[in-house]
């Protein structure tokens, strides 16, 4: 059983930066496609950044140029660097692994989820 543990969320002012991390147990991050999703109450969870097993990366338009997804296979960790944060980036963020399928490169229906880490951006 693969376990994902998210960390790094918190409260930050608009324009600030945060880095989220996801520790993967049992299997190496190199074995999976992986992604970061986010969800706000009342809305569906959406992929904001996807990294394919071979390393190709896709970002949602809303975060392009501000967020950076990366993985360190030797440490079995996935990261999401977030800068120039906006109020609308406030959400619960989830690490995910082993995408069920892709649409325009973005991850859908991953098999494994982290527990989530809250990001709150204030003015």
C-alpha atoms as a PDB file:
ATOM      1  CA  UNK A   1       0.000   0.000   0.000  1.00  0.00           C
ATOM      2  CA  UNK A   2       1.395   3.385  -1.027  1.00  0.00           C
ATOM      3  CA  UNK A   3       1.139   6.149   1.557  1.00  0.00           C
ATOM      4  CA  UNK A   4       1.471   9.850   0.811  1.00  0.00           C
ATOM      5  CA  UNK A   5       2.034  12.391   3.586  1.00  0.00           C
ATOM      6  CA  UNK A   6       1.539  16.060   2.723  1.00  0.00           C
ATOM      7  CA  UNK A   7       3.129  18.910   4.630  1.00  0.00           C
ATOM      8  CA  UNK A   8       4.151  22.538   4.332  1.00  0.00           C
ATOM      9  CA  UNK A   9       0.823  24.344   4.225  1.00  0.00           C
ATOM     10  CA  UNK A  10       0.107  27.424   6.284  1.00  0.00           C
ATOM     11  CA  UNK A  11      -1.038  31.004   6.286  1.00  0.00           C
ATOM     12  CA  UNK A  12       0.697  33.541   4.085  1.00  0.00           C
ATOM     13  CA  UNK A  13       0.015  37.032   2.804  1.00  0.00           C
ATOM     14  CA  UNK A  14      -0.807  37.681  -0.828  1.00  0.00           C
ATOM     15  CA  UNK A  15       2.372  37.868  -2.865  1.00  0.00           C
ATOM     16  CA  UNK A  16       4.186  35.487  -0.555  1.00  0.00           C
ATOM     17  CA  UNK A  17       5.593  32.025  -1.109  1.00  0.00           C
ATOM     18  CA  UNK A  18       5.203  28.514   0.291  1.00  0.00           C
ATOM     19  CA  UNK A  19       6.615  25.117  -0.556  1.00  0.00           C
ATOM     20  CA  UNK A  20       4.524  21.991  -0.075  1.00  0.00           C
ATOM     21  CA  UNK A  21       6.101  18.568   0.287  1.00  0.00           C
ATOM     22  CA  UNK A  22       4.814  15.035  -0.110  1.00  0.00           C
ATOM     23  CA  UNK A  23       6.647  12.040   1.312  1.00  0.00           C
ATOM     24  CA  UNK A  24       5.940   8.752  -0.462  1.00  0.00           C
ATOM     25  CA  UNK A  25       6.328   5.441   1.324  1.00  0.00           C
ATOM     26  CA  UNK A  26       6.775   1.938  -0.065  1.00  0.00           C
ATOM     27  CA  UNK A  27       7.516   2.864  -3.685  1.00  0.00           C
ATOM     28  CA  UNK A  28       9.809   5.334  -5.341  1.00  0.00           C
ATOM     29  CA  UNK A  29       8.356   8.510  -6.811  1.00  0.00           C
ATOM     30  CA  UNK A  30      10.005   7.516 -10.077  1.00  0.00           C
ATOM     31  CA  UNK A  31       7.518   4.678 -10.479  1.00  0.00           C
ATOM     32  CA  UNK A  32       4.457   6.922 -10.750  1.00  0.00           C
ATOM     33  CA  UNK A  33       2.912   9.862 -12.433  1.00  0.00           C
ATOM     34  CA  UNK A  34       2.222  12.341  -9.650  1.00  0.00           C
ATOM     35  CA  UNK A  35       0.274  15.538  -9.183  1.00  0.00           C
ATOM     36  CA  UNK A  36      -0.840  18.242  -6.800  1.00  0.00           C
ATOM     37  CA  UNK A  37      -4.561  18.912  -6.556  1.00  0.00           C
ATOM     38  CA  UNK A  38      -6.460  21.553  -4.669  1.00  0.00           C
ATOM     39  CA  UNK A  39     -10.010  21.861  -3.448  1.00  0.00           C
ATOM     40  CA  UNK A  40     -12.132  24.608  -1.978  1.00  0.00           C
ATOM     41  CA  UNK A  41     -15.435  23.903  -0.216  1.00  0.00           C
ATOM     42  CA  UNK A  42     -18.267  23.300  -2.655  1.00  0.00           C
ATOM     43  CA  UNK A  43     -16.023  22.762  -5.659  1.00  0.00           C
ATOM     44  CA  UNK A  44     -14.459  19.722  -7.281  1.00  0.00           C
ATOM     45  CA  UNK A  45     -10.854  18.846  -6.643  1.00  0.00           C
ATOM     46  CA  UNK A  46      -8.672  20.065  -9.529  1.00  0.00           C
ATOM     47  CA  UNK A  47      -5.158  19.233 -10.617  1.00  0.00           C
ATOM     48  CA  UNK A  48      -2.885  22.272 -10.487  1.00  0.00           C
ATOM     49  CA  UNK A  49       0.354  20.538 -11.472  1.00  0.00           C
ATOM     50  CA  UNK A  50       1.106  17.117 -12.963  1.00  0.00           C
ATOM     51  CA  UNK A  51       4.451  15.435 -13.473  1.00  0.00           C
ATOM     52  CA  UNK A  52       4.491  12.361 -15.652  1.00  0.00           C
ATOM     53  CA  UNK A  53       6.661   9.360 -14.846  1.00  0.00           C
ATOM     54  CA  UNK A  54       9.212  10.383 -17.471  1.00  0.00           C
ATOM     55  CA  UNK A  55       9.279  13.963 -16.172  1.00  0.00           C
ATOM     56  CA  UNK A  56       6.966  15.925 -18.478  1.00  0.00           C
ATOM     57  CA  UNK A  57       5.166  18.643 -16.524  1.00  0.00           C
ATOM     58  CA  UNK A  58       1.787  20.314 -16.970  1.00  0.00           C
ATOM     59  CA  UNK A  59       0.308  23.226 -15.031  1.00  0.00           C
ATOM     60  CA  UNK A  60      -3.208  24.544 -14.763  1.00  0.00           C
ATOM     61  CA  UNK A  61      -3.497  27.940 -16.432  1.00  0.00           C
ATOM     62  CA  UNK A  62      -4.347  29.565 -13.085  1.00  0.00           C
ATOM     63  CA  UNK A  63      -0.940  28.714 -11.613  1.00  0.00           C
ATOM     64  CA  UNK A  64       1.330  28.730 -14.662  1.00  0.00           C
ATOM     65  CA  UNK A  65       4.426  30.826 -14.053  1.00  0.00           C
ATOM     66  CA  UNK A  66       3.864  30.914 -10.287  1.00  0.00           C
ATOM     67  CA  UNK A  67       3.940  27.263  -9.186  1.00  0.00           C
ATOM     68  CA  UNK A  68       6.709  24.699  -9.722  1.00  0.00           C
ATOM     69  CA  UNK A  69       6.288  20.957  -9.290  1.00  0.00           C
ATOM     70  CA  UNK A  70       9.363  18.829  -8.730  1.00  0.00           C
ATOM     71  CA  UNK A  71      10.273  15.426  -7.387  1.00  0.00           C
ATOM     72  CA  UNK A  72      13.384  14.008  -5.813  1.00  0.00           C
ATOM     73  CA  UNK A  73      13.297  10.315  -6.625  1.00  0.00           C
ATOM     74  CA  UNK A  74      16.270   9.510  -4.394  1.00  0.00           C
ATOM     75  CA  UNK A  75      14.316  10.903  -1.419  1.00  0.00           C
ATOM     76  CA  UNK A  76      10.854   9.741  -2.545  1.00  0.00           C
ATOM     77  CA  UNK A  77       9.466  13.238  -2.213  1.00  0.00           C
ATOM     78  CA  UNK A  78       7.317  15.495  -4.358  1.00  0.00           C
ATOM     79  CA  UNK A  79       7.301  19.268  -3.944  1.00  0.00           C
ATOM     80  CA  UNK A  80       5.187  22.191  -5.027  1.00  0.00           C
ATOM     81  CA  UNK A  81       6.841  25.578  -4.913  1.00  0.00           C
ATOM     82  CA  UNK A  82       4.283  28.381  -4.861  1.00  0.00           C
ATOM     83  CA  UNK A  83       5.131  32.036  -5.323  1.00  0.00           C
ATOM     84  CA  UNK A  84       3.208  35.254  -5.952  1.00  0.00           C
ATOM     85  CA  UNK A  85       0.339  33.690  -4.057  1.00  0.00           C
ATOM     86  CA  UNK A  86      -3.134  35.105  -4.583  1.00  0.00           C
ATOM     87  CA  UNK A  87      -6.256  35.064  -2.433  1.00  0.00           C
ATOM     88  CA  UNK A  88      -7.808  32.582  -4.857  1.00  0.00           C
ATOM     89  CA  UNK A  89      -5.002  30.086  -4.181  1.00  0.00           C
ATOM     90  CA  UNK A  90      -6.545  29.466  -0.764  1.00  0.00           C
ATOM     91  CA  UNK A  91      -7.503  25.782  -0.702  1.00  0.00           C
ATOM     92  CA  UNK A  92      -6.712  22.380   0.704  1.00  0.00           C
ATOM     93  CA  UNK A  93      -3.840  20.953  -1.331  1.00  0.00           C
ATOM     94  CA  UNK A  94      -3.425  17.221  -1.934  1.00  0.00           C
ATOM     95  CA  UNK A  95      -0.545  15.184  -3.238  1.00  0.00           C
ATOM     96  CA  UNK A  96      -1.627  12.371  -5.569  1.00  0.00           C
ATOM     97  CA  UNK A  97       0.028   9.442  -7.315  1.00  0.00           C
ATOM     98  CA  UNK A  98      -0.644   7.017 -10.153  1.00  0.00           C
ATOM     99  CA  UNK A  99      -3.032   8.965 -12.368  1.00  0.00           C
ATOM    100  CA  UNK A 100      -5.892   6.977 -13.862  1.00  0.00           C
ATOM    101  CA  UNK A 101      -5.754   8.920 -17.133  1.00  0.00           C
ATOM    102  CA  UNK A 102      -4.626  12.218 -18.567  1.00  0.00           C
ATOM    103  CA  UNK A 103      -6.438  14.974 -20.437  1.00  0.00           C
ATOM    104  CA  UNK A 104      -4.166  17.508 -22.144  1.00  0.00           C
ATOM    105  CA  UNK A 105      -1.466  16.193 -19.832  1.00  0.00           C
ATOM    106  CA  UNK A 106      -3.386  16.812 -16.608  1.00  0.00           C
ATOM    107  CA  UNK A 107      -3.920  14.056 -14.067  1.00  0.00           C
ATOM    108  CA  UNK A 108      -7.351  12.520 -13.510  1.00  0.00           C
ATOM    109  CA  UNK A 109      -8.568   9.953 -10.988  1.00  0.00           C
ATOM    110  CA  UNK A 110      -5.282   9.211  -9.213  1.00  0.00           C
ATOM    111  CA  UNK A 111      -5.159   5.994  -7.270  1.00  0.00           C
ATOM    112  CA  UNK A 112      -3.418   7.357  -4.163  1.00  0.00           C
ATOM    113  CA  UNK A 113      -3.986  10.529  -2.157  1.00  0.00           C
ATOM    114  CA  UNK A 114      -2.263  12.371   0.628  1.00  0.00           C
ATOM    115  CA  UNK A 115      -4.265  13.629   3.581  1.00  0.00           C
ATOM    116  CA  UNK A 116      -4.111  17.244   2.442  1.00  0.00           C
ATOM    117  CA  UNK A 117      -2.483  20.401   3.739  1.00  0.00           C
ATOM    118  CA  UNK A 118      -4.280  23.743   4.052  1.00  0.00           C
ATOM    119  CA  UNK A 119      -2.984  26.864   2.322  1.00  0.00           C
ATOM    120  CA  UNK A 120      -4.582  30.160   3.334  1.00  0.00           C
ATOM    121  CA  UNK A 121      -3.669  33.376   1.546  1.00  0.00           C
ATOM    122  CA  UNK A 122      -4.765  36.650   3.122  1.00  0.00           C
ATOM    123  CA  UNK A 123      -4.629  40.272   1.990  1.00  0.00           C
END
